[in-house]
Amino acid sequence: MQERPTRLLRIVHVLDRVGVSKSEWQRRVKLGEAPAPVALGPKLRAWRESDVERYLDALATVPPGERTPVSRGQRPSTAST
């Protein structure tokens, strides 16, 4: 039986599957919460499809109360009281 070749996903396709903003995805990668990309060139990165799928599967097993919050803080209010 032959193994399927590894598919690589560019950032736009990763974001479509994961459903977060580019800056949020980059934050998660930097913190080690999301899989690291593969360097395809000096400025070109892609993610292994299998790594992204494993990441999503792992998120599905974490209870909602234990998930990492999407935002790190609140913006200060601009309205004066």
C-alpha atoms as a PDB file:
ATOM      1  CA  MET A   1       0.000   0.000   0.000  1.00  0.00           C
ATOM      2  CA  GLN A   2       1.385   3.434  -0.918  1.00  0.00           C
ATOM      3  CA  GLU A   3       1.428   6.319   1.499  1.00  0.00           C
ATOM      4  CA  ARG A   4      -0.254   9.541   0.483  1.00  0.00           C
ATOM      5  CA  PRO A   5       2.234  12.330  -0.209  1.00  0.00           C
ATOM      6  CA  THR A   6       2.331  15.144   2.308  1.00  0.00           C
ATOM      7  CA  ARG A   7       0.200  18.087   1.193  1.00  0.00           C
ATOM      8  CA  LEU A   8       1.369  21.558   2.079  1.00  0.00           C
ATOM      9  CA  LEU A   9      -1.074  24.364   2.835  1.00  0.00           C
ATOM     10  CA  ARG A  10      -0.348  28.048   2.361  1.00  0.00           C
ATOM     11  CA  ILE A  11      -1.457  30.485   5.072  1.00  0.00           C
ATOM     12  CA  VAL A  12      -4.748  31.404   3.365  1.00  0.00           C
ATOM     13  CA  HIS A  13      -5.845  27.752   3.343  1.00  0.00           C
ATOM     14  CA  VAL A  14      -4.734  27.199   6.945  1.00  0.00           C
ATOM     15  CA  LEU A  15      -6.739  30.227   8.107  1.00  0.00           C
ATOM     16  CA  ASP A  16      -9.769  29.002   6.179  1.00  0.00           C
ATOM     17  CA  ARG A  17      -9.656  25.659   8.003  1.00  0.00           C
ATOM     18  CA  VAL A  18      -8.793  26.978  11.450  1.00  0.00           C
ATOM     19  CA  GLY A  19     -11.092  30.000  11.410  1.00  0.00           C
ATOM     20  CA  VAL A  20      -8.863  32.569  13.128  1.00  0.00           C
ATOM     21  CA  SER A  21      -7.185  35.758  11.927  1.00  0.00           C
ATOM     22  CA  LYS A  22      -3.693  35.765  10.486  1.00  0.00           C
ATOM     23  CA  SER A  23      -2.300  37.622  13.502  1.00  0.00           C
ATOM     24  CA  GLU A  24      -3.955  35.175  15.917  1.00  0.00           C
ATOM     25  CA  TRP A  25      -2.550  32.195  13.983  1.00  0.00           C
ATOM     26  CA  GLN A  26       0.936  33.735  13.983  1.00  0.00           C
ATOM     27  CA  ARG A  27       0.655  34.344  17.741  1.00  0.00           C
ATOM     28  CA  ARG A  28      -0.280  30.707  18.343  1.00  0.00           C
ATOM     29  CA  VAL A  29       2.606  29.493  16.174  1.00  0.00           C
ATOM     30  CA  LYS A  30       5.040  31.787  18.007  1.00  0.00           C
ATOM     31  CA  LEU A  31       3.849  30.489  21.390  1.00  0.00           C
ATOM     32  CA  GLY A  32       4.117  26.890  20.206  1.00  0.00           C
ATOM     33  CA  GLU A  33       0.363  26.318  20.486  1.00  0.00           C
ATOM     34  CA  ALA A  34      -0.001  25.708  16.738  1.00  0.00           C
ATOM     35  CA  PRO A  35       2.247  23.735  14.396  1.00  0.00           C
ATOM     36  CA  ALA A  36       5.334  25.399  12.950  1.00  0.00           C
ATOM     37  CA  PRO A  37       5.507  26.036   9.213  1.00  0.00           C
ATOM     38  CA  VAL A  38       7.899  24.460   6.739  1.00  0.00           C
ATOM     39  CA  ALA A  39      10.236  26.889   4.967  1.00  0.00           C
ATOM     40  CA  LEU A  40       9.874  26.581   1.200  1.00  0.00           C
ATOM     41  CA  GLY A  41      12.062  29.582   0.443  1.00  0.00           C
ATOM     42  CA  PRO A  42      13.422  32.735   2.069  1.00  0.00           C
ATOM     43  CA  LYS A  43       9.940  34.243   2.466  1.00  0.00           C
ATOM     44  CA  LEU A  44       7.669  31.328   1.681  1.00  0.00           C
ATOM     45  CA  ARG A  45       6.105  29.170   4.400  1.00  0.00           C
ATOM     46  CA  ALA A  46       3.537  26.397   4.350  1.00  0.00           C
ATOM     47  CA  TRP A  47       2.045  23.962   6.860  1.00  0.00           C
ATOM     48  CA  ARG A  48       1.757  20.220   6.549  1.00  0.00           C
ATOM     49  CA  GLU A  49      -1.901  19.359   6.144  1.00  0.00           C
ATOM     50  CA  SER A  50      -1.482  16.494   8.619  1.00  0.00           C
ATOM     51  CA  ASP A  51      -0.097  18.893  11.270  1.00  0.00           C
ATOM     52  CA  VAL A  52      -3.053  21.266  10.837  1.00  0.00           C
ATOM     53  CA  GLU A  53      -5.526  18.369  11.033  1.00  0.00           C
ATOM     54  CA  ARG A  54      -3.870  17.055  14.223  1.00  0.00           C
ATOM     55  CA  TYR A  55      -4.020  20.566  15.698  1.00  0.00           C
ATOM     56  CA  LEU A  56      -7.752  20.816  14.952  1.00  0.00           C
ATOM     57  CA  ASP A  57      -8.378  17.321  16.353  1.00  0.00           C
ATOM     58  CA  ALA A  58      -6.545  18.280  19.546  1.00  0.00           C
ATOM     59  CA  LEU A  59      -8.634  21.458  19.884  1.00  0.00           C
ATOM     60  CA  ALA A  60     -11.803  19.402  19.572  1.00  0.00           C
ATOM     61  CA  THR A  61     -10.813  17.301  22.601  1.00  0.00           C
ATOM     62  CA  VAL A  62     -10.158  20.268  24.927  1.00  0.00           C
ATOM     63  CA  PRO A  63     -13.157  21.209  27.075  1.00  0.00           C
ATOM     64  CA  PRO A  64     -14.454  24.733  26.258  1.00  0.00           C
ATOM     65  CA  GLY A  65     -13.520  26.132  29.680  1.00  0.00           C
ATOM     66  CA  GLU A  66      -9.887  25.099  29.239  1.00  0.00           C
ATOM     67  CA  ARG A  67      -9.310  26.536  25.744  1.00  0.00           C
ATOM     68  CA  THR A  68      -6.844  29.365  25.216  1.00  0.00           C
ATOM     69  CA  PRO A  69      -8.750  32.636  24.839  1.00  0.00           C
ATOM     70  CA  VAL A  70      -8.598  34.212  21.392  1.00  0.00           C
ATOM     71  CA  SER A  71      -7.867  37.708  22.691  1.00  0.00           C
ATOM     72  CA  ARG A  72      -5.219  38.515  25.255  1.00  0.00           C
ATOM     73  CA  GLY A  73      -6.949  41.524  26.762  1.00  0.00           C
ATOM     74  CA  GLN A  74      -9.542  44.184  26.320  1.00  0.00           C
ATOM     75  CA  ARG A  75      -9.057  47.414  24.455  1.00  0.00           C
ATOM     76  CA  PRO A  76      -9.259  50.496  26.625  1.00  0.00           C
ATOM     77  CA  SER A  77     -12.544  52.340  26.411  1.00  0.00           C
ATOM     78  CA  THR A  78     -12.464  55.517  24.321  1.00  0.00           C
ATOM     79  CA  ALA A  79     -15.752  56.858  25.641  1.00  0.00           C
ATOM     80  CA  SER A  80     -15.476  59.355  28.483  1.00  0.00           C
ATOM     81  CA  THR A  81     -17.803  58.940  31.429  1.00  0.00           C
END
